[in-house]
Amino acid sequence: MSYIVTSEATIAEIDSAATPRAFREVARLDITISSAEGQTLVTTTGSVEGTATASRIQPFVDTLRAESMDAAAEPTMPICGRDTVPPMHLVTLLPPVPHELREGVRWQRRYVYASCQGMIPVRVERTDSYLVTGRASQGSVAGGVMVTGASSFAYAGSGVEGQHNVRLTGAGSGHATLVLDPSAGRLVSGDAEINSEIDVTASGRTRRFSQRIVRTVRSQ
């Protein structure tokens, strides 16, 4: 399976007249499923190109054991600036779903994963609530199932940036619409928006930021 993931973010300092900063990333993902030692492995490989990286293409790999997709184990924190963090983690790109996707079915999943905010590694705790709303609209894949999602986020991180010890905390919420193809067991498309408020404390001073991310996922 191959996907194009486009992410557009706007970050603005609250109670400041500074101009908001805008970022755009386009990721190309290839997803493969394989067996190893009796386990099912799901792996993404691909590259990210965006304004935040001065248009440099950054390759990445993300591997997940399908049997562990419901687990919320503590993640290994990346070294930001050295380790490449996937733009969309597998647990959020391919959420576990019930065996029967009939209209009205609800379920919930909790994830814990790592990300980077600039040079600061961030632990993200995310809870997603899903609802099957019916068949996909005309023009989508035949027999596709429409799913809506609501998410809550909690962020916590710390690190060194320049001469400063930096601490980051925050919270957010989001909503999404997914189209699934049950016959092929794949995600066809996804549209999501996440809004967060993040506090960044450095050298005893705390600044508050609002962050809005709009993300689209399209199968190729």
C-alpha atoms as a PDB file:
ATOM      1  CA  MET A   1       0.000   0.000   0.000  1.00  0.00           C
ATOM      2  CA  SER A   2       1.232   3.493  -0.811  1.00  0.00           C
ATOM      3  CA  TYR A   3       0.044   6.819   0.598  1.00  0.00           C
ATOM      4  CA  ILE A   4       0.648  10.539   0.259  1.00  0.00           C
ATOM      5  CA  VAL A   5       0.351  12.330   3.620  1.00  0.00           C
ATOM      6  CA  THR A   6       0.138  16.128   3.492  1.00  0.00           C
ATOM      7  CA  SER A   7       0.433  18.085   6.748  1.00  0.00           C
ATOM      8  CA  GLU A   8      -0.048  21.844   7.081  1.00  0.00           C
ATOM      9  CA  ALA A   9       0.619  23.455  10.458  1.00  0.00           C
ATOM     10  CA  THR A  10       0.200  26.954  11.844  1.00  0.00           C
ATOM     11  CA  ILE A  11       1.896  27.924  15.129  1.00  0.00           C
ATOM     12  CA  ALA A  12       1.170  31.232  16.838  1.00  0.00           C
ATOM     13  CA  GLU A  13       2.259  32.646  20.185  1.00  0.00           C
ATOM     14  CA  ILE A  14      -0.787  33.480  22.284  1.00  0.00           C
ATOM     15  CA  ASP A  15      -1.038  37.134  23.422  1.00  0.00           C
ATOM     16  CA  SER A  16       1.691  38.149  20.981  1.00  0.00           C
ATOM     17  CA  ALA A  17       1.613  40.325  17.895  1.00  0.00           C
ATOM     18  CA  ALA A  18       4.207  38.147  16.174  1.00  0.00           C
ATOM     19  CA  THR A  19       3.238  36.708  12.805  1.00  0.00           C
ATOM     20  CA  PRO A  20       2.168  33.036  13.015  1.00  0.00           C
ATOM     21  CA  ARG A  21       4.560  30.540  11.462  1.00  0.00           C
ATOM     22  CA  ALA A  22       3.343  28.131   8.806  1.00  0.00           C
ATOM     23  CA  PHE A  23       4.829  24.760   7.870  1.00  0.00           C
ATOM     24  CA  ARG A  24       3.985  22.225   5.185  1.00  0.00           C
ATOM     25  CA  GLU A  25       5.232  18.666   4.806  1.00  0.00           C
ATOM     26  CA  VAL A  26       4.520  16.056   2.149  1.00  0.00           C
ATOM     27  CA  ALA A  27       5.356  12.457   3.000  1.00  0.00           C
ATOM     28  CA  ARG A  28       5.347   9.522   0.627  1.00  0.00           C
ATOM     29  CA  LEU A  29       4.764   6.230   2.426  1.00  0.00           C
ATOM     30  CA  ASP A  30       5.029   2.604   1.340  1.00  0.00           C
ATOM     31  CA  ILE A  31       3.496   0.074   3.742  1.00  0.00           C
ATOM     32  CA  THR A  32       4.445  -3.603   3.710  1.00  0.00           C
ATOM     33  CA  ILE A  33       3.170  -6.520   5.791  1.00  0.00           C
ATOM     34  CA  SER A  34       5.448  -9.475   6.504  1.00  0.00           C
ATOM     35  CA  SER A  35       5.893 -12.402   8.883  1.00  0.00           C
ATOM     36  CA  ALA A  36       8.893 -12.847  11.153  1.00  0.00           C
ATOM     37  CA  GLU A  37       9.274 -15.428  13.914  1.00  0.00           C
ATOM     38  CA  GLY A  38       5.550 -16.093  13.906  1.00  0.00           C
ATOM     39  CA  GLN A  39       4.627 -12.430  14.239  1.00  0.00           C
ATOM     40  CA  THR A  40       3.064 -10.018  11.784  1.00  0.00           C
ATOM     41  CA  LEU A  41       5.184  -6.932  11.118  1.00  0.00           C
ATOM     42  CA  VAL A  42       3.847  -3.764   9.533  1.00  0.00           C
ATOM     43  CA  THR A  43       6.544  -1.438   8.193  1.00  0.00           C
ATOM     44  CA  THR A  44       6.435   1.982   6.577  1.00  0.00           C
ATOM     45  CA  THR A  45       9.281   3.357   4.526  1.00  0.00           C
ATOM     46  CA  GLY A  46       9.319   6.656   2.728  1.00  0.00           C
ATOM     47  CA  SER A  47      10.482  10.219   2.712  1.00  0.00           C
ATOM     48  CA  VAL A  48       9.385  13.613   3.989  1.00  0.00           C
ATOM     49  CA  GLU A  49       9.834  16.893   2.162  1.00  0.00           C
ATOM     50  CA  GLY A  50       8.802  20.170   3.749  1.00  0.00           C
ATOM     51  CA  THR A  51       9.425  23.792   4.550  1.00  0.00           C
ATOM     52  CA  ALA A  52      10.587  22.936   8.076  1.00  0.00           C
ATOM     53  CA  THR A  53      13.544  20.994   6.667  1.00  0.00           C
ATOM     54  CA  ALA A  54      14.527  23.539   4.001  1.00  0.00           C
ATOM     55  CA  SER A  55      13.039  21.219   1.370  1.00  0.00           C
ATOM     56  CA  ARG A  56      15.499  18.436   2.238  1.00  0.00           C
ATOM     57  CA  ILE A  57      14.139  14.943   1.731  1.00  0.00           C
ATOM     58  CA  GLN A  58      14.377  12.875   4.912  1.00  0.00           C
ATOM     59  CA  PRO A  59      13.957   9.074   4.659  1.00  0.00           C
ATOM     60  CA  PHE A  60      12.412   7.166   7.581  1.00  0.00           C
ATOM     61  CA  VAL A  61      11.364   3.690   8.668  1.00  0.00           C
ATOM     62  CA  ASP A  62       8.682   2.785  11.230  1.00  0.00           C
ATOM     63  CA  THR A  63       7.947  -0.828  12.226  1.00  0.00           C
ATOM     64  CA  LEU A  64       5.106  -2.134  14.358  1.00  0.00           C
ATOM     65  CA  ARG A  65       4.108  -5.612  15.481  1.00  0.00           C
ATOM     66  CA  ALA A  66       0.455  -5.951  14.534  1.00  0.00           C
ATOM     67  CA  GLU A  67      -0.201  -7.942  17.715  1.00  0.00           C
ATOM     68  CA  SER A  68       0.916  -4.965  19.823  1.00  0.00           C
ATOM     69  CA  MET A  69      -1.204  -2.273  18.171  1.00  0.00           C
ATOM     70  CA  ASP A  70      -3.526  -2.106  21.179  1.00  0.00           C
ATOM     71  CA  ALA A  71      -0.645  -1.660  23.621  1.00  0.00           C
ATOM     72  CA  ALA A  72       0.347   1.691  25.054  1.00  0.00           C
ATOM     73  CA  ALA A  73       3.928   0.899  26.046  1.00  0.00           C
ATOM     74  CA  GLU A  74       6.279   3.771  26.793  1.00  0.00           C
ATOM     75  CA  PRO A  75       8.078   4.865  23.610  1.00  0.00           C
ATOM     76  CA  THR A  76      11.806   5.260  23.080  1.00  0.00           C
ATOM     77  CA  MET A  77      12.401   8.994  22.976  1.00  0.00           C
ATOM     78  CA  PRO A  78      14.194  10.208  19.827  1.00  0.00           C
ATOM     79  CA  ILE A  79      17.243  12.434  19.615  1.00  0.00           C
ATOM     80  CA  CYS A  80      15.652  15.302  17.724  1.00  0.00           C
ATOM     81  CA  GLY A  81      17.780  16.590  14.900  1.00  0.00           C
ATOM     82  CA  ARG A  82      19.466  13.210  14.499  1.00  0.00           C
ATOM     83  CA  ASP A  83      16.680  10.623  14.507  1.00  0.00           C
ATOM     84  CA  THR A  84      13.993  11.015  11.876  1.00  0.00           C
ATOM     85  CA  VAL A  85      10.501  10.765  13.356  1.00  0.00           C
ATOM     86  CA  PRO A  86       7.745   9.500  11.017  1.00  0.00           C
ATOM     87  CA  PRO A  87       5.231  12.237  10.154  1.00  0.00           C
ATOM     88  CA  MET A  88       2.391   9.872  11.023  1.00  0.00           C
ATOM     89  CA  HIS A  89       2.959   6.913  13.317  1.00  0.00           C
ATOM     90  CA  LEU A  90       1.628   3.538  12.235  1.00  0.00           C
ATOM     91  CA  VAL A  91      -0.722   3.248  15.203  1.00  0.00           C
ATOM     92  CA  THR A  92      -2.522   6.381  14.036  1.00  0.00           C
ATOM     93  CA  LEU A  93      -2.276   5.703  10.299  1.00  0.00           C
ATOM     94  CA  LEU A  94      -3.635   2.159  10.701  1.00  0.00           C
ATOM     95  CA  PRO A  95      -5.862   2.101  13.796  1.00  0.00           C
ATOM     96  CA  PRO A  96      -7.102  -1.330  14.973  1.00  0.00           C
ATOM     97  CA  VAL A  97     -10.767  -1.804  14.091  1.00  0.00           C
ATOM     98  CA  PRO A  98     -13.505  -4.221  15.231  1.00  0.00           C
ATOM     99  CA  HIS A  99     -14.192  -7.330  13.151  1.00  0.00           C
ATOM    100  CA  GLU A 100     -17.647  -5.992  12.235  1.00  0.00           C
ATOM    101  CA  LEU A 101     -17.831  -2.465  10.842  1.00  0.00           C
ATOM    102  CA  ARG A 102     -21.559  -1.860  10.873  1.00  0.00           C
ATOM    103  CA  GLU A 103     -23.198   1.550  11.259  1.00  0.00           C
ATOM    104  CA  GLY A 104     -23.319   2.727  14.862  1.00  0.00           C
ATOM    105  CA  VAL A 105     -20.365   0.674  16.118  1.00  0.00           C
ATOM    106  CA  ARG A 106     -18.118   2.613  18.524  1.00  0.00           C
ATOM    107  CA  TRP A 107     -14.673   1.835  19.920  1.00  0.00           C
ATOM    108  CA  GLN A 108     -11.774   3.577  21.606  1.00  0.00           C
ATOM    109  CA  ARG A 109      -7.983   3.242  21.575  1.00  0.00           C
ATOM    110  CA  ARG A 110      -5.192   4.792  23.630  1.00  0.00           C
ATOM    111  CA  TYR A 111      -1.705   5.290  22.189  1.00  0.00           C
ATOM    112  CA  VAL A 112       1.601   6.572  23.559  1.00  0.00           C
ATOM    113  CA  TYR A 113       4.306   7.579  21.092  1.00  0.00           C
ATOM    114  CA  ALA A 114       7.193  10.029  20.666  1.00  0.00           C
ATOM    115  CA  SER A 115       7.519  13.072  18.452  1.00  0.00           C
ATOM    116  CA  CYS A 116       9.726  16.153  18.124  1.00  0.00           C
ATOM    117  CA  GLN A 117       8.847  19.799  18.666  1.00  0.00           C
ATOM    118  CA  GLY A 118      11.872  21.462  17.148  1.00  0.00           C
ATOM    119  CA  MET A 119      14.831  19.961  19.029  1.00  0.00           C
ATOM    120  CA  ILE A 120      12.729  18.841  22.008  1.00  0.00           C
ATOM    121  CA  PRO A 121      11.613  15.182  22.242  1.00  0.00           C
ATOM    122  CA  VAL A 122       7.954  14.996  23.220  1.00  0.00           C
ATOM    123  CA  ARG A 123       5.912  12.160  24.704  1.00  0.00           C
ATOM    124  CA  VAL A 124       2.422  12.141  23.190  1.00  0.00           C
ATOM    125  CA  GLU A 125      -0.472  10.392  24.900  1.00  0.00           C
ATOM    126  CA  ARG A 126      -3.432  10.123  22.579  1.00  0.00           C
ATOM    127  CA  THR A 127      -6.941   8.703  22.979  1.00  0.00           C
ATOM    128  CA  ASP A 128      -9.106   8.166  19.895  1.00  0.00           C
ATOM    129  CA  SER A 129     -12.847   7.480  19.898  1.00  0.00           C
ATOM    130  CA  TYR A 130     -14.314   6.112  16.657  1.00  0.00           C
ATOM    131  CA  LEU A 131     -17.840   5.796  15.254  1.00  0.00           C
ATOM    132  CA  VAL A 132     -18.957   4.016  12.060  1.00  0.00           C
ATOM    133  CA  THR A 133     -21.349   6.431  10.358  1.00  0.00           C
ATOM    134  CA  GLY A 134     -22.232   4.412   7.231  1.00  0.00           C
ATOM    135  CA  ARG A 135     -21.091   3.877   3.685  1.00  0.00           C
ATOM    136  CA  ALA A 136     -18.693   6.241   1.977  1.00  0.00           C
ATOM    137  CA  SER A 137     -20.148   8.971  -0.214  1.00  0.00           C
ATOM    138  CA  GLN A 138     -20.437   8.638  -3.958  1.00  0.00           C
ATOM    139  CA  GLY A 139     -17.104   8.776  -5.726  1.00  0.00           C
ATOM    140  CA  SER A 140     -15.197   6.932  -3.001  1.00  0.00           C
ATOM    141  CA  VAL A 141     -14.212   3.282  -3.164  1.00  0.00           C
ATOM    142  CA  ALA A 142     -17.197   0.987  -3.741  1.00  0.00           C
ATOM    143  CA  GLY A 143     -18.288  -0.583  -0.476  1.00  0.00           C
ATOM    144  CA  GLY A 144     -16.099   1.738   1.580  1.00  0.00           C
ATOM    145  CA  VAL A 145     -17.028   2.419   5.195  1.00  0.00           C
ATOM    146  CA  MET A 146     -17.066   5.932   6.654  1.00  0.00           C
ATOM    147  CA  VAL A 147     -15.662   6.348  10.168  1.00  0.00           C
ATOM    148  CA  THR A 148     -15.480   9.548  12.219  1.00  0.00           C
ATOM    149  CA  GLY A 149     -13.018  10.022  15.040  1.00  0.00           C
ATOM    150  CA  ALA A 150     -12.529  12.380  17.986  1.00  0.00           C
ATOM    151  CA  SER A 151      -9.134  12.613  19.713  1.00  0.00           C
ATOM    152  CA  SER A 152      -7.591  14.049  22.859  1.00  0.00           C
ATOM    153  CA  PHE A 153      -3.871  14.698  23.300  1.00  0.00           C
ATOM    154  CA  ALA A 154      -1.475  15.301  26.183  1.00  0.00           C
ATOM    155  CA  TYR A 155       2.102  16.445  25.502  1.00  0.00           C
ATOM    156  CA  ALA A 156       5.157  16.423  27.787  1.00  0.00           C
ATOM    157  CA  GLY A 157       8.813  16.873  26.906  1.00  0.00           C
ATOM    158  CA  SER A 158      12.109  18.369  27.969  1.00  0.00           C
ATOM    159  CA  GLY A 159      15.517  18.938  26.487  1.00  0.00           C
ATOM    160  CA  VAL A 160      18.213  21.460  25.689  1.00  0.00           C
ATOM    161  CA  GLU A 161      17.884  24.005  22.912  1.00  0.00           C
ATOM    162  CA  GLY A 162      20.801  26.387  22.486  1.00  0.00           C
ATOM    163  CA  GLN A 163      21.823  27.518  25.974  1.00  0.00           C
ATOM    164  CA  HIS A 164      18.436  26.805  27.520  1.00  0.00           C
ATOM    165  CA  ASN A 165      16.887  23.912  29.377  1.00  0.00           C
ATOM    166  CA  VAL A 166      13.417  23.686  27.870  1.00  0.00           C
ATOM    167  CA  ARG A 167      10.283  22.069  29.270  1.00  0.00           C
ATOM    168  CA  LEU A 168       7.154  21.578  27.165  1.00  0.00           C
ATOM    169  CA  THR A 169       3.633  20.658  28.247  1.00  0.00           C
ATOM    170  CA  GLY A 170       0.302  20.907  26.504  1.00  0.00           C
ATOM    171  CA  ALA A 171      -3.031  19.443  25.523  1.00  0.00           C
ATOM    172  CA  GLY A 172      -5.180  19.322  22.435  1.00  0.00           C
ATOM    173  CA  SER A 173      -8.136  17.827  20.634  1.00  0.00           C
ATOM    174  CA  GLY A 174      -8.867  16.725  17.116  1.00  0.00           C
ATOM    175  CA  HIS A 175     -11.413  15.256  14.747  1.00  0.00           C
ATOM    176  CA  ALA A 176     -11.051  13.043  11.704  1.00  0.00           C
ATOM    177  CA  THR A 177     -12.949  11.319   8.920  1.00  0.00           C
ATOM    178  CA  LEU A 178     -11.649   8.004   7.563  1.00  0.00           C
ATOM    179  CA  VAL A 179     -12.724   5.862   4.633  1.00  0.00           C
ATOM    180  CA  LEU A 180     -11.898   2.164   5.055  1.00  0.00           C
ATOM    181  CA  ASP A 181     -12.063  -0.629   2.498  1.00  0.00           C
ATOM    182  CA  PRO A 182     -13.051  -3.688   4.593  1.00  0.00           C
ATOM    183  CA  SER A 183     -12.676  -6.163   1.719  1.00  0.00           C
ATOM    184  CA  ALA A 184      -9.009  -5.210   1.251  1.00  0.00           C
ATOM    185  CA  GLY A 185      -8.335  -4.390   4.904  1.00  0.00           C
ATOM    186  CA  ARG A 186      -6.912  -0.967   4.138  1.00  0.00           C
ATOM    187  CA  LEU A 187      -7.316   2.740   4.714  1.00  0.00           C
ATOM    188  CA  VAL A 188      -8.431   4.543   1.555  1.00  0.00           C
ATOM    189  CA  SER A 189      -8.318   8.151   2.767  1.00  0.00           C
ATOM    190  CA  GLY A 190      -8.283  10.276   5.877  1.00  0.00           C
ATOM    191  CA  ASP A 191      -8.835  13.933   6.759  1.00  0.00           C
ATOM    192  CA  ALA A 192      -7.960  15.278  10.202  1.00  0.00           C
ATOM    193  CA  GLU A 193      -7.586  18.537  12.102  1.00  0.00           C
ATOM    194  CA  ILE A 194      -5.779  18.901  15.464  1.00  0.00           C
ATOM    195  CA  ASN A 195      -5.805  22.015  17.641  1.00  0.00           C
ATOM    196  CA  SER A 196      -3.490  22.276  20.645  1.00  0.00           C
ATOM    197  CA  GLU A 197      -2.170  24.743  23.216  1.00  0.00           C
ATOM    198  CA  ILE A 198       1.433  24.234  24.265  1.00  0.00           C
ATOM    199  CA  ASP A 199       3.416  25.876  27.091  1.00  0.00           C
ATOM    200  CA  VAL A 200       7.174  26.204  26.553  1.00  0.00           C
ATOM    201  CA  THR A 201       9.282  27.129  29.600  1.00  0.00           C
ATOM    202  CA  ALA A 202      12.916  28.208  29.162  1.00  0.00           C
ATOM    203  CA  SER A 203      15.119  30.070  31.654  1.00  0.00           C
ATOM    204  CA  GLY A 204      12.166  30.610  33.982  1.00  0.00           C
ATOM    205  CA  ARG A 205       9.964  32.187  31.321  1.00  0.00           C
ATOM    206  CA  THR A 206       6.846  30.472  30.003  1.00  0.00           C
ATOM    207  CA  ARG A 207       5.395  31.214  26.595  1.00  0.00           C
ATOM    208  CA  ARG A 208       2.098  29.790  25.351  1.00  0.00           C
ATOM    209  CA  PHE A 209       1.484  28.745  21.762  1.00  0.00           C
ATOM    210  CA  SER A 210      -1.523  27.598  19.753  1.00  0.00           C
ATOM    211  CA  GLN A 211      -0.936  24.958  17.095  1.00  0.00           C
ATOM    212  CA  ARG A 212      -3.291  23.861  14.316  1.00  0.00           C
ATOM    213  CA  ILE A 213      -2.492  20.901  12.077  1.00  0.00           C
ATOM    214  CA  VAL A 214      -4.544  19.901   9.033  1.00  0.00           C
ATOM    215  CA  ARG A 215      -3.606  16.509   7.603  1.00  0.00           C
ATOM    216  CA  THR A 216      -4.830  14.549   4.574  1.00  0.00           C
ATOM    217  CA  VAL A 217      -4.014  10.936   3.724  1.00  0.00           C
ATOM    218  CA  ARG A 218      -4.630   9.567   0.238  1.00  0.00           C
ATOM    219  CA  SER A 219      -3.918   6.068  -1.052  1.00  0.00           C
ATOM    220  CA  GLN A 220      -2.053   5.780  -4.338  1.00  0.00           C
END
